[in-house]
Amino acid sequence: MTTAHVRCGHCAQCCALDREHHDRLLTVDTDPEALLGLMELAVTWHELDYSTAGVVGPAAWADFAARHRWHDPERAERAFSLALDIVARSGPGASPGRPAAVLELVGR
């Protein structure tokens, strides 16, 4: 990934993000490739080192989802909720039977 930074005006973390990753996240509700990318990131979050990648990590996904406008807000909510559930179930000390939390988007 390149390190071109972006400011979208919606969230504080955007100014520290790789523009390509930020723009892909903004299309998870309309682009199947972006959705798959988010799922791949969630699945590999605890396996790979993303500390220098400039990506929005799971700790910021709920805030990112809430602060941006979506073409299909319900699909975006489902995508980020599923990604958060994947990370929670695959992390250290995770319980496979742990129920998912529902992500509430504000400002729809």
PDB file of N, CA and C in Angstrom:
ATOM      1  N   MET A   1       0.826  -1.191   0.000  1.00  0.00           N
ATOM      2  CA  MET A   1       0.000   0.000   0.000  1.00  0.00           C
ATOM      3  C   MET A   1       0.864   1.247   0.000  1.00  0.00           C
ATOM      4  N   THR A   2       0.352   2.281  -0.611  1.00  0.00           N
ATOM      5  CA  THR A   2       1.049   3.555  -0.566  1.00  0.00           C
ATOM      6  C   THR A   2       0.722   4.237   0.751  1.00  0.00           C
ATOM      7  N   THR A   3       1.408   5.344   1.031  1.00  0.00           N
ATOM      8  CA  THR A   3       1.160   6.029   2.292  1.00  0.00           C
ATOM      9  C   THR A   3       0.585   7.421   2.079  1.00  0.00           C
ATOM     10  N   ALA A   4      -0.133   7.613   0.990  1.00  0.00           N
ATOM     11  CA  ALA A   4      -0.810   8.890   0.771  1.00  0.00           C
ATOM     12  C   ALA A   4      -1.899   9.034   1.819  1.00  0.00           C
ATOM     13  N   HIS A   5      -1.884  10.125   2.546  1.00  0.00           N
ATOM     14  CA  HIS A   5      -2.834  10.302   3.635  1.00  0.00           C
ATOM     15  C   HIS A   5      -4.061  11.062   3.155  1.00  0.00           C
ATOM     16  N   VAL A   6      -5.148  10.889   3.884  1.00  0.00           N
ATOM     17  CA  VAL A   6      -6.424  11.459   3.474  1.00  0.00           C
ATOM     18  C   VAL A   6      -7.118  12.098   4.669  1.00  0.00           C
ATOM     19  N   ARG A   7      -7.864  13.127   4.390  1.00  0.00           N
ATOM     20  CA  ARG A   7      -8.758  13.723   5.381  1.00  0.00           C
ATOM     21  C   ARG A   7     -10.143  13.737   4.757  1.00  0.00           C
ATOM     22  N   CYS A   8     -11.060  13.040   5.388  1.00  0.00           N
ATOM     23  CA  CYS A   8     -12.405  13.008   4.825  1.00  0.00           C
ATOM     24  C   CYS A   8     -13.339  13.921   5.600  1.00  0.00           C
ATOM     25  N   GLY A   9     -12.924  14.424   6.760  1.00  0.00           N
ATOM     26  CA  GLY A   9     -13.760  15.315   7.537  1.00  0.00           C
ATOM     27  C   GLY A   9     -14.752  14.607   8.433  1.00  0.00           C
ATOM     28  N   HIS A  10     -14.795  13.283   8.397  1.00  0.00           N
ATOM     29  CA  HIS A  10     -15.777  12.552   9.194  1.00  0.00           C
ATOM     30  C   HIS A  10     -15.195  11.929  10.452  1.00  0.00           C
ATOM     31  N   CYS A  11     -13.914  11.589  10.448  1.00  0.00           N
ATOM     32  CA  CYS A  11     -13.379  10.921  11.625  1.00  0.00           C
ATOM     33  C   CYS A  11     -11.919  11.293  11.847  1.00  0.00           C
ATOM     34  N   ALA A  12     -11.534  11.299  13.098  1.00  0.00           N
ATOM     35  CA  ALA A  12     -10.181  11.705  13.473  1.00  0.00           C
ATOM     36  C   ALA A  12      -9.127  10.769  12.911  1.00  0.00           C
ATOM     37  N   GLN A  13      -9.414   9.467  12.834  1.00  0.00           N
ATOM     38  CA  GLN A  13      -8.390   8.539  12.376  1.00  0.00           C
ATOM     39  C   GLN A  13      -8.110   8.650  10.879  1.00  0.00           C
ATOM     40  N   CYS A  14      -8.990   9.273  10.111  1.00  0.00           N
ATOM     41  CA  CYS A  14      -8.817   9.319   8.660  1.00  0.00           C
ATOM     42  C   CYS A  14      -7.531  10.012   8.231  1.00  0.00           C
ATOM     43  N   CYS A  15      -7.096  11.004   8.968  1.00  0.00           N
ATOM     44  CA  CYS A  15      -5.899  11.728   8.548  1.00  0.00           C
ATOM     45  C   CYS A  15      -4.636  10.882   8.669  1.00  0.00           C
ATOM     46  N   ALA A  16      -4.714   9.752   9.364  1.00  0.00           N
ATOM     47  CA  ALA A  16      -3.543   8.891   9.516  1.00  0.00           C
ATOM     48  C   ALA A  16      -3.644   7.620   8.672  1.00  0.00           C
ATOM     49  N   LEU A  17      -4.622   7.571   7.795  1.00  0.00           N
ATOM     50  CA  LEU A  17      -4.866   6.356   7.029  1.00  0.00           C
ATOM     51  C   LEU A  17      -4.299   6.410   5.624  1.00  0.00           C
ATOM     52  N   ASP A  18      -4.048   5.227   5.115  1.00  0.00           N
ATOM     53  CA  ASP A  18      -3.716   5.081   3.720  1.00  0.00           C
ATOM     54  C   ASP A  18      -4.992   5.373   2.922  1.00  0.00           C
ATOM     55  N   ARG A  19      -4.905   6.253   1.943  1.00  0.00           N
ATOM     56  CA  ARG A  19      -6.086   6.670   1.174  1.00  0.00           C
ATOM     57  C   ARG A  19      -6.791   5.484   0.507  1.00  0.00           C
ATOM     58  N   GLU A  20      -6.022   4.569  -0.049  1.00  0.00           N
ATOM     59  CA  GLU A  20      -6.608   3.419  -0.730  1.00  0.00           C
ATOM     60  C   GLU A  20      -7.451   2.578   0.239  1.00  0.00           C
ATOM     61  N   HIS A  21      -6.915   2.312   1.418  1.00  0.00           N
ATOM     62  CA  HIS A  21      -7.659   1.513   2.394  1.00  0.00           C
ATOM     63  C   HIS A  21      -8.907   2.255   2.867  1.00  0.00           C
ATOM     64  N   HIS A  22      -8.773   3.518   3.156  1.00  0.00           N
ATOM     65  CA  HIS A  22      -9.908   4.337   3.586  1.00  0.00           C
ATOM     66  C   HIS A  22     -11.023   4.303   2.549  1.00  0.00           C
ATOM     67  N   ASP A  23     -10.659   4.528   1.300  1.00  0.00           N
ATOM     68  CA  ASP A  23     -11.658   4.556   0.231  1.00  0.00           C
ATOM     69  C   ASP A  23     -12.324   3.189   0.037  1.00  0.00           C
ATOM     70  N   ARG A  24     -11.542   2.116   0.195  1.00  0.00           N
ATOM     71  CA  ARG A  24     -12.129   0.775   0.094  1.00  0.00           C
ATOM     72  C   ARG A  24     -13.128   0.536   1.220  1.00  0.00           C
ATOM     73  N   LEU A  25     -12.778   0.944   2.441  1.00  0.00           N
ATOM     74  CA  LEU A  25     -13.706   0.768   3.558  1.00  0.00           C
ATOM     75  C   LEU A  25     -15.015   1.507   3.314  1.00  0.00           C
ATOM     76  N   LEU A  26     -14.940   2.644   2.657  1.00  0.00           N
ATOM     77  CA  LEU A  26     -16.148   3.422   2.393  1.00  0.00           C
ATOM     78  C   LEU A  26     -17.082   2.753   1.391  1.00  0.00           C
ATOM     79  N   THR A  27     -16.651   1.671   0.780  1.00  0.00           N
ATOM     80  CA  THR A  27     -17.499   0.994  -0.206  1.00  0.00           C
ATOM     81  C   THR A  27     -17.902  -0.414   0.221  1.00  0.00           C
ATOM     82  N   VAL A  28     -17.723  -0.767   1.496  1.00  0.00           N
ATOM     83  CA  VAL A  28     -18.070  -2.126   1.922  1.00  0.00           C
ATOM     84  C   VAL A  28     -19.554  -2.424   1.743  1.00  0.00           C
ATOM     85  N   ASP A  29     -20.374  -1.388   1.663  1.00  0.00           N
ATOM     86  CA  ASP A  29     -21.815  -1.614   1.505  1.00  0.00           C
ATOM     87  C   ASP A  29     -22.244  -1.751   0.043  1.00  0.00           C
ATOM     88  N   THR A  30     -21.332  -1.482  -0.902  1.00  0.00           N
ATOM     89  CA  THR A  30     -21.700  -1.543  -2.320  1.00  0.00           C
ATOM     90  C   THR A  30     -20.747  -2.366  -3.185  1.00  0.00           C
ATOM     91  N   ASP A  31     -19.552  -2.652  -2.697  1.00  0.00           N
ATOM     92  CA  ASP A  31     -18.537  -3.340  -3.498  1.00  0.00           C
ATOM     93  C   ASP A  31     -18.168  -4.678  -2.848  1.00  0.00           C
ATOM     94  N   PRO A  32     -18.477  -5.795  -3.509  1.00  0.00           N
ATOM     95  CA  PRO A  32     -18.157  -7.105  -2.928  1.00  0.00           C
ATOM     96  C   PRO A  32     -16.669  -7.294  -2.647  1.00  0.00           C
ATOM     97  N   GLU A  33     -15.794  -6.729  -3.470  1.00  0.00           N
ATOM     98  CA  GLU A  33     -14.353  -6.849  -3.233  1.00  0.00           C
ATOM     99  C   GLU A  33     -13.944  -6.120  -1.950  1.00  0.00           C
ATOM    100  N   ALA A  34     -14.519  -4.956  -1.708  1.00  0.00           N
ATOM    101  CA  ALA A  34     -14.221  -4.216  -0.478  1.00  0.00           C
ATOM    102  C   ALA A  34     -14.737  -4.972   0.742  1.00  0.00           C
ATOM    103  N   LEU A  35     -15.907  -5.557   0.610  1.00  0.00           N
ATOM    104  CA  LEU A  35     -16.465  -6.356   1.705  1.00  0.00           C
ATOM    105  C   LEU A  35     -15.573  -7.550   2.010  1.00  0.00           C
ATOM    106  N   LEU A  36     -15.125  -8.239   0.964  1.00  0.00           N
ATOM    107  CA  LEU A  36     -14.214  -9.367   1.159  1.00  0.00           C
ATOM    108  C   LEU A  36     -12.899  -8.911   1.791  1.00  0.00           C
ATOM    109  N   GLY A  37     -12.416  -7.744   1.390  1.00  0.00           N
ATOM    110  CA  GLY A  37     -11.193  -7.207   1.985  1.00  0.00           C
ATOM    111  C   GLY A  37     -11.342  -6.963   3.479  1.00  0.00           C
ATOM    112  N   LEU A  38     -12.489  -6.432   3.886  1.00  0.00           N
ATOM    113  CA  LEU A  38     -12.746  -6.214   5.309  1.00  0.00           C
ATOM    114  C   LEU A  38     -12.797  -7.551   6.048  1.00  0.00           C
ATOM    115  N   MET A  39     -13.441  -8.546   5.456  1.00  0.00           N
ATOM    116  CA  MET A  39     -13.525  -9.863   6.089  1.00  0.00           C
ATOM    117  C   MET A  39     -12.139 -10.498   6.199  1.00  0.00           C
ATOM    118  N   GLU A  40     -11.318 -10.367   5.157  1.00  0.00           N
ATOM    119  CA  GLU A  40      -9.952 -10.896   5.199  1.00  0.00           C
ATOM    120  C   GLU A  40      -9.135 -10.209   6.280  1.00  0.00           C
ATOM    121  N   LEU A  41      -9.303  -8.901   6.416  1.00  0.00           N
ATOM    122  CA  LEU A  41      -8.605  -8.165   7.460  1.00  0.00           C
ATOM    123  C   LEU A  41      -9.034  -8.676   8.831  1.00  0.00           C
ATOM    124  N   ALA A  42     -10.332  -8.893   9.006  1.00  0.00           N
ATOM    125  CA  ALA A  42     -10.840  -9.389  10.288  1.00  0.00           C
ATOM    126  C   ALA A  42     -10.289 -10.779  10.610  1.00  0.00           C
ATOM    127  N   VAL A  43     -10.302 -11.661   9.616  1.00  0.00           N
ATOM    128  CA  VAL A  43      -9.841 -13.031   9.827  1.00  0.00           C
ATOM    129  C   VAL A  43      -8.354 -13.065  10.176  1.00  0.00           C
ATOM    130  N   THR A  44      -7.570 -12.208   9.571  1.00  0.00           N
ATOM    131  CA  THR A  44      -6.111 -12.245   9.771  1.00  0.00           C
ATOM    132  C   THR A  44      -5.610 -11.247  10.806  1.00  0.00           C
ATOM    133  N   TRP A  45      -6.503 -10.506  11.437  1.00  0.00           N
ATOM    134  CA  TRP A  45      -6.077  -9.426  12.340  1.00  0.00           C
ATOM    135  C   TRP A  45      -5.121  -9.915  13.421  1.00  0.00           C
ATOM    136  N   HIS A  46      -5.403 -11.066  14.015  1.00  0.00           N
ATOM    137  CA  HIS A  46      -4.560 -11.570  15.108  1.00  0.00           C
ATOM    138  C   HIS A  46      -3.391 -12.404  14.605  1.00  0.00           C
ATOM    139  N   GLU A  47      -3.319 -12.630  13.291  1.00  0.00           N
ATOM    140  CA  GLU A  47      -2.265 -13.461  12.725  1.00  0.00           C
ATOM    141  C   GLU A  47      -1.150 -12.643  12.079  1.00  0.00           C
ATOM    142  N   LEU A  48      -1.477 -11.471  11.558  1.00  0.00           N
ATOM    143  CA  LEU A  48      -0.507 -10.648  10.836  1.00  0.00           C
ATOM    144  C   LEU A  48      -0.271  -9.337  11.573  1.00  0.00           C
ATOM    145  N   ASP A  49       0.857  -8.710  11.316  1.00  0.00           N
ATOM    146  CA  ASP A  49       1.195  -7.432  11.946  1.00  0.00           C
ATOM    147  C   ASP A  49       0.773  -6.289  11.029  1.00  0.00           C
ATOM    148  N   TYR A  50      -0.269  -5.572  11.423  1.00  0.00           N
ATOM    149  CA  TYR A  50      -0.769  -4.447  10.645  1.00  0.00           C
ATOM    150  C   TYR A  50      -0.330  -3.101  11.237  1.00  0.00           C
ATOM    151  N   SER A  51       0.605  -3.128  12.174  1.00  0.00           N
ATOM    152  CA  SER A  51       0.969  -1.913  12.904  1.00  0.00           C
ATOM    153  C   SER A  51       1.530  -0.800  12.019  1.00  0.00           C
ATOM    154  N   THR A  52       2.094  -1.123  10.886  1.00  0.00           N
ATOM    155  CA  THR A  52       2.640  -0.083  10.009  1.00  0.00           C
ATOM    156  C   THR A  52       1.861   0.041   8.704  1.00  0.00           C
ATOM    157  N   ALA A  53       0.703  -0.590   8.610  1.00  0.00           N
ATOM    158  CA  ALA A  53      -0.048  -0.626   7.358  1.00  0.00           C
ATOM    159  C   ALA A  53      -0.954   0.584   7.150  1.00  0.00           C
ATOM    160  N   GLY A  54      -1.219   1.382   8.178  1.00  0.00           N
ATOM    161  CA  GLY A  54      -2.078   2.554   8.008  1.00  0.00           C
ATOM    162  C   GLY A  54      -3.541   2.201   7.814  1.00  0.00           C
ATOM    163  N   VAL A  55      -3.977   1.071   8.355  1.00  0.00           N
ATOM    164  CA  VAL A  55      -5.361   0.643   8.192  1.00  0.00           C
ATOM    165  C   VAL A  55      -6.169   0.969   9.443  1.00  0.00           C
ATOM    166  N   VAL A  56      -7.471   1.061   9.277  1.00  0.00           N
ATOM    167  CA  VAL A  56      -8.356   1.204  10.425  1.00  0.00           C
ATOM    168  C   VAL A  56      -8.488  -0.172  11.043  1.00  0.00           C
ATOM    169  N   GLY A  57      -8.117  -0.287  12.304  1.00  0.00           N
ATOM    170  CA  GLY A  57      -8.198  -1.562  12.988  1.00  0.00           C
ATOM    171  C   GLY A  57      -9.552  -1.776  13.640  1.00  0.00           C
ATOM    172  N   PRO A  58      -9.779  -2.976  14.132  1.00  0.00           N
ATOM    173  CA  PRO A  58     -11.066  -3.323  14.733  1.00  0.00           C
ATOM    174  C   PRO A  58     -11.511  -2.391  15.850  1.00  0.00           C
ATOM    175  N   ALA A  59     -10.582  -1.861  16.617  1.00  0.00           N
ATOM    176  CA  ALA A  59     -10.952  -0.958  17.715  1.00  0.00           C
ATOM    177  C   ALA A  59     -11.654   0.296  17.201  1.00  0.00           C
ATOM    178  N   ALA A  60     -11.444   0.645  15.946  1.00  0.00           N
ATOM    179  CA  ALA A  60     -12.039   1.862  15.383  1.00  0.00           C
ATOM    180  C   ALA A  60     -13.169   1.589  14.401  1.00  0.00           C
ATOM    181  N   TRP A  61     -13.481   0.334  14.119  1.00  0.00           N
ATOM    182  CA  TRP A  61     -14.487   0.038  13.103  1.00  0.00           C
ATOM    183  C   TRP A  61     -15.869   0.573  13.450  1.00  0.00           C
ATOM    184  N   ALA A  62     -16.280   0.434  14.691  1.00  0.00           N
ATOM    185  CA  ALA A  62     -17.614   0.926  15.072  1.00  0.00           C
ATOM    186  C   ALA A  62     -17.695   2.438  14.886  1.00  0.00           C
ATOM    187  N   ASP A  63     -16.654   3.142  15.307  1.00  0.00           N
ATOM    188  CA  ASP A  63     -16.627   4.602  15.154  1.00  0.00           C
ATOM    189  C   ASP A  63     -16.577   4.987  13.675  1.00  0.00           C
ATOM    190  N   PHE A  64     -15.749   4.292  12.901  1.00  0.00           N
ATOM    191  CA  PHE A  64     -15.644   4.561  11.470  1.00  0.00           C
ATOM    192  C   PHE A  64     -17.008   4.381  10.802  1.00  0.00           C
ATOM    193  N   ALA A  65     -17.676   3.282  11.122  1.00  0.00           N
ATOM    194  CA  ALA A  65     -18.985   2.999  10.525  1.00  0.00           C
ATOM    195  C   ALA A  65     -20.017   4.055  10.909  1.00  0.00           C
ATOM    196  N   ALA A  66     -19.970   4.486  12.142  1.00  0.00           N
ATOM    197  CA  ALA A  66     -20.948   5.465  12.624  1.00  0.00           C
ATOM    198  C   ALA A  66     -20.713   6.859  12.054  1.00  0.00           C
ATOM    199  N   ARG A  67     -19.489   7.206  11.737  1.00  0.00           N
ATOM    200  CA  ARG A  67     -19.161   8.567  11.310  1.00  0.00           C
ATOM    201  C   ARG A  67     -19.218   8.797   9.805  1.00  0.00           C
ATOM    202  N   HIS A  68     -19.464   7.776   9.043  1.00  0.00           N
ATOM    203  CA  HIS A  68     -19.522   7.937   7.592  1.00  0.00           C
ATOM    204  C   HIS A  68     -20.923   7.679   7.072  1.00  0.00           C
ATOM    205  N   ARG A  69     -21.204   8.256   5.918  1.00  0.00           N
ATOM    206  CA  ARG A  69     -22.499   8.037   5.263  1.00  0.00           C
ATOM    207  C   ARG A  69     -22.360   6.859   4.321  1.00  0.00           C
ATOM    208  N   TRP A  70     -23.449   6.095   4.214  1.00  0.00           N
ATOM    209  CA  TRP A  70     -23.424   4.873   3.438  1.00  0.00           C
ATOM    210  C   TRP A  70     -24.554   4.860   2.429  1.00  0.00           C
ATOM    211  N   HIS A  71     -24.299   4.255   1.284  1.00  0.00           N
ATOM    212  CA  HIS A  71     -25.346   4.064   0.284  1.00  0.00           C
ATOM    213  C   HIS A  71     -26.417   3.128   0.851  1.00  0.00           C
ATOM    214  N   ASP A  72     -25.977   2.080   1.532  1.00  0.00           N
ATOM    215  CA  ASP A  72     -26.876   1.124   2.167  1.00  0.00           C
ATOM    216  C   ASP A  72     -26.447   0.967   3.629  1.00  0.00           C
ATOM    217  N   PRO A  73     -26.962   1.823   4.525  1.00  0.00           N
ATOM    218  CA  PRO A  73     -26.531   1.809   5.930  1.00  0.00           C
ATOM    219  C   PRO A  73     -26.715   0.461   6.623  1.00  0.00           C
ATOM    220  N   GLU A  74     -27.777  -0.256   6.317  1.00  0.00           N
ATOM    221  CA  GLU A  74     -27.988  -1.552   6.954  1.00  0.00           C
ATOM    222  C   GLU A  74     -26.919  -2.560   6.537  1.00  0.00           C
ATOM    223  N   ARG A  75     -26.542  -2.535   5.261  1.00  0.00           N
ATOM    224  CA  ARG A  75     -25.489  -3.451   4.796  1.00  0.00           C
ATOM    225  C   ARG A  75     -24.146  -3.082   5.425  1.00  0.00           C
ATOM    226  N   ALA A  76     -23.856  -1.792   5.532  1.00  0.00           N
ATOM    227  CA  ALA A  76     -22.607  -1.360   6.167  1.00  0.00           C
ATOM    228  C   ALA A  76     -22.584  -1.810   7.625  1.00  0.00           C
ATOM    229  N   GLU A  77     -23.701  -1.648   8.316  1.00  0.00           N
ATOM    230  CA  GLU A  77     -23.796  -2.072   9.710  1.00  0.00           C
ATOM    231  C   GLU A  77     -23.542  -3.573   9.837  1.00  0.00           C
ATOM    232  N   ARG A  78     -24.148  -4.350   8.967  1.00  0.00           N
ATOM    233  CA  ARG A  78     -23.945  -5.801   8.984  1.00  0.00           C
ATOM    234  C   ARG A  78     -22.491  -6.166   8.704  1.00  0.00           C
ATOM    235  N   ALA A  79     -21.868  -5.484   7.746  1.00  0.00           N
ATOM    236  CA  ALA A  79     -20.483  -5.780   7.378  1.00  0.00           C
ATOM    237  C   ALA A  79     -19.538  -5.527   8.541  1.00  0.00           C
ATOM    238  N   PHE A  80     -19.629  -4.350   9.152  1.00  0.00           N
ATOM    239  CA  PHE A  80     -18.724  -4.030  10.256  1.00  0.00           C
ATOM    240  C   PHE A  80     -19.035  -4.869  11.493  1.00  0.00           C
ATOM    241  N   SER A  81     -20.304  -5.172  11.752  1.00  0.00           N
ATOM    242  CA  SER A  81     -20.663  -6.027  12.885  1.00  0.00           C
ATOM    243  C   SER A  81     -20.098  -7.427  12.708  1.00  0.00           C
ATOM    244  N   LEU A  82     -20.214  -7.960  11.496  1.00  0.00           N
ATOM    245  CA  LEU A  82     -19.672  -9.284  11.223  1.00  0.00           C
ATOM    246  C   LEU A  82     -18.149  -9.292  11.360  1.00  0.00           C
ATOM    247  N   ALA A  83     -17.498  -8.272  10.834  1.00  0.00           N
ATOM    248  CA  ALA A  83     -16.037  -8.186  10.942  1.00  0.00           C
ATOM    249  C   ALA A  83     -15.605  -8.104  12.411  1.00  0.00           C
ATOM    250  N   LEU A  84     -16.318  -7.321  13.210  1.00  0.00           N
ATOM    251  CA  LEU A  84     -16.002  -7.228  14.639  1.00  0.00           C
ATOM    252  C   LEU A  84     -16.207  -8.564  15.331  1.00  0.00           C
ATOM    253  N   ASP A  85     -17.246  -9.275  14.971  1.00  0.00           N
ATOM    254  CA  ASP A  85     -17.508 -10.584  15.558  1.00  0.00           C
ATOM    255  C   ASP A  85     -16.398 -11.568  15.192  1.00  0.00           C
ATOM    256  N   ILE A  86     -15.942 -11.528  13.959  1.00  0.00           N
ATOM    257  CA  ILE A  86     -14.857 -12.412  13.523  1.00  0.00           C
ATOM    258  C   ILE A  86     -13.602 -12.154  14.352  1.00  0.00           C
ATOM    259  N   VAL A  87     -13.251 -10.886  14.530  1.00  0.00           N
ATOM    260  CA  VAL A  87     -12.059 -10.543  15.311  1.00  0.00           C
ATOM    261  C   VAL A  87     -12.225 -11.002  16.753  1.00  0.00           C
ATOM    262  N   ALA A  88     -13.393 -10.763  17.326  1.00  0.00           N
ATOM    263  CA  ALA A  88     -13.629 -11.145  18.720  1.00  0.00           C
ATOM    264  C   ALA A  88     -13.543 -12.655  18.913  1.00  0.00           C
ATOM    265  N   ARG A  89     -14.007 -13.407  17.938  1.00  0.00           N
ATOM    266  CA  ARG A  89     -14.009 -14.866  18.062  1.00  0.00           C
ATOM    267  C   ARG A  89     -12.646 -15.485  17.774  1.00  0.00           C
ATOM    268  N   SER A  90     -11.761 -14.741  17.122  1.00  0.00           N
ATOM    269  CA  SER A  90     -10.470 -15.320  16.762  1.00  0.00           C
ATOM    270  C   SER A  90      -9.319 -14.774  17.588  1.00  0.00           C
ATOM    271  N   GLY A  91      -9.599 -13.832  18.472  1.00  0.00           N
ATOM    272  CA  GLY A  91      -8.546 -13.220  19.270  1.00  0.00           C
ATOM    273  C   GLY A  91      -8.088 -14.084  20.425  1.00  0.00           C
ATOM    274  N   PRO A  92      -7.030 -13.628  21.101  1.00  0.00           N
ATOM    275  CA  PRO A  92      -6.518 -14.349  22.264  1.00  0.00           C
ATOM    276  C   PRO A  92      -7.608 -14.488  23.325  1.00  0.00           C
ATOM    277  N   GLY A  93      -7.805 -15.697  23.816  1.00  0.00           N
ATOM    278  CA  GLY A  93      -8.795 -15.957  24.850  1.00  0.00           C
ATOM    279  C   GLY A  93     -10.226 -15.930  24.357  1.00  0.00           C
ATOM    280  N   ALA A  94     -10.416 -15.956  23.042  1.00  0.00           N
ATOM    281  CA  ALA A  94     -11.763 -15.900  22.478  1.00  0.00           C
ATOM    282  C   ALA A  94     -12.503 -17.201  22.741  1.00  0.00           C
ATOM    283  N   SER A  95     -13.780 -17.069  22.927  1.00  0.00           N
ATOM    284  CA  SER A  95     -14.642 -18.229  23.118  1.00  0.00           C
ATOM    285  C   SER A  95     -15.446 -18.438  21.844  1.00  0.00           C
ATOM    286  N   PRO A  96     -15.372 -19.605  21.211  1.00  0.00           N
ATOM    287  CA  PRO A  96     -16.091 -19.834  19.959  1.00  0.00           C
ATOM    288  C   PRO A  96     -17.595 -19.641  20.065  1.00  0.00           C
ATOM    289  N   GLY A  97     -18.170 -19.832  21.241  1.00  0.00           N
ATOM    290  CA  GLY A  97     -19.609 -19.699  21.396  1.00  0.00           C
ATOM    291  C   GLY A  97     -20.058 -18.320  21.843  1.00  0.00           C
ATOM    292  N   ARG A  98     -19.162 -17.369  21.862  1.00  0.00           N
ATOM    293  CA  ARG A  98     -19.483 -16.031  22.341  1.00  0.00           C
ATOM    294  C   ARG A  98     -20.446 -15.334  21.389  1.00  0.00           C
ATOM    295  N   PRO A  99     -21.563 -14.786  21.896  1.00  0.00           N
ATOM    296  CA  PRO A  99     -22.524 -14.120  21.008  1.00  0.00           C
ATOM    297  C   PRO A  99     -21.987 -12.803  20.465  1.00  0.00           C
ATOM    298  N   ALA A 100     -22.444 -12.438  19.293  1.00  0.00           N
ATOM    299  CA  ALA A 100     -22.023 -11.200  18.647  1.00  0.00           C
ATOM    300  C   ALA A 100     -22.751 -10.016  19.269  1.00  0.00           C
ATOM    301  N   ALA A 101     -22.091  -8.870  19.279  1.00  0.00           N
ATOM    302  CA  ALA A 101     -22.724  -7.633  19.711  1.00  0.00           C
ATOM    303  C   ALA A 101     -23.253  -6.915  18.478  1.00  0.00           C
ATOM    304  N   VAL A 102     -24.380  -6.256  18.615  1.00  0.00           N
ATOM    305  CA  VAL A 102     -24.969  -5.517  17.503  1.00  0.00           C
ATOM    306  C   VAL A 102     -24.387  -4.111  17.505  1.00  0.00           C
ATOM    307  N   LEU A 103     -23.939  -3.669  16.347  1.00  0.00           N
ATOM    308  CA  LEU A 103     -23.366  -2.350  16.172  1.00  0.00           C
ATOM    309  C   LEU A 103     -24.462  -1.374  15.784  1.00  0.00           C
ATOM    310  N   GLU A 104     -24.652  -0.335  16.566  1.00  0.00           N
ATOM    311  CA  GLU A 104     -25.661   0.668  16.275  1.00  0.00           C
ATOM    312  C   GLU A 104     -25.005   1.833  15.534  1.00  0.00           C
ATOM    313  N   LEU A 105     -25.462   2.145  14.341  1.00  0.00           N
ATOM    314  CA  LEU A 105     -24.972   3.300  13.594  1.00  0.00           C
ATOM    315  C   LEU A 105     -25.841   4.506  13.947  1.00  0.00           C
ATOM    316  N   VAL A 106     -25.192   5.619  14.226  1.00  0.00           N
ATOM    317  CA  VAL A 106     -25.935   6.839  14.541  1.00  0.00           C
ATOM    318  C   VAL A 106     -25.934   7.756  13.333  1.00  0.00           C
ATOM    319  N   GLY A 107     -26.911   8.633  13.263  1.00  0.00           N
ATOM    320  CA  GLY A 107     -26.934   9.635  12.205  1.00  0.00           C
ATOM    321  C   GLY A 107     -27.372   9.125  10.854  1.00  0.00           C
ATOM    322  N   ARG A 108     -28.151   8.076  10.815  1.00  0.00           N
ATOM    323  CA  ARG A 108     -28.612   7.565   9.512  1.00  0.00           C
ATOM    324  C   ARG A 108     -29.707   8.409   8.981  1.00  0.00           C
TER     325      ARG A 108
END
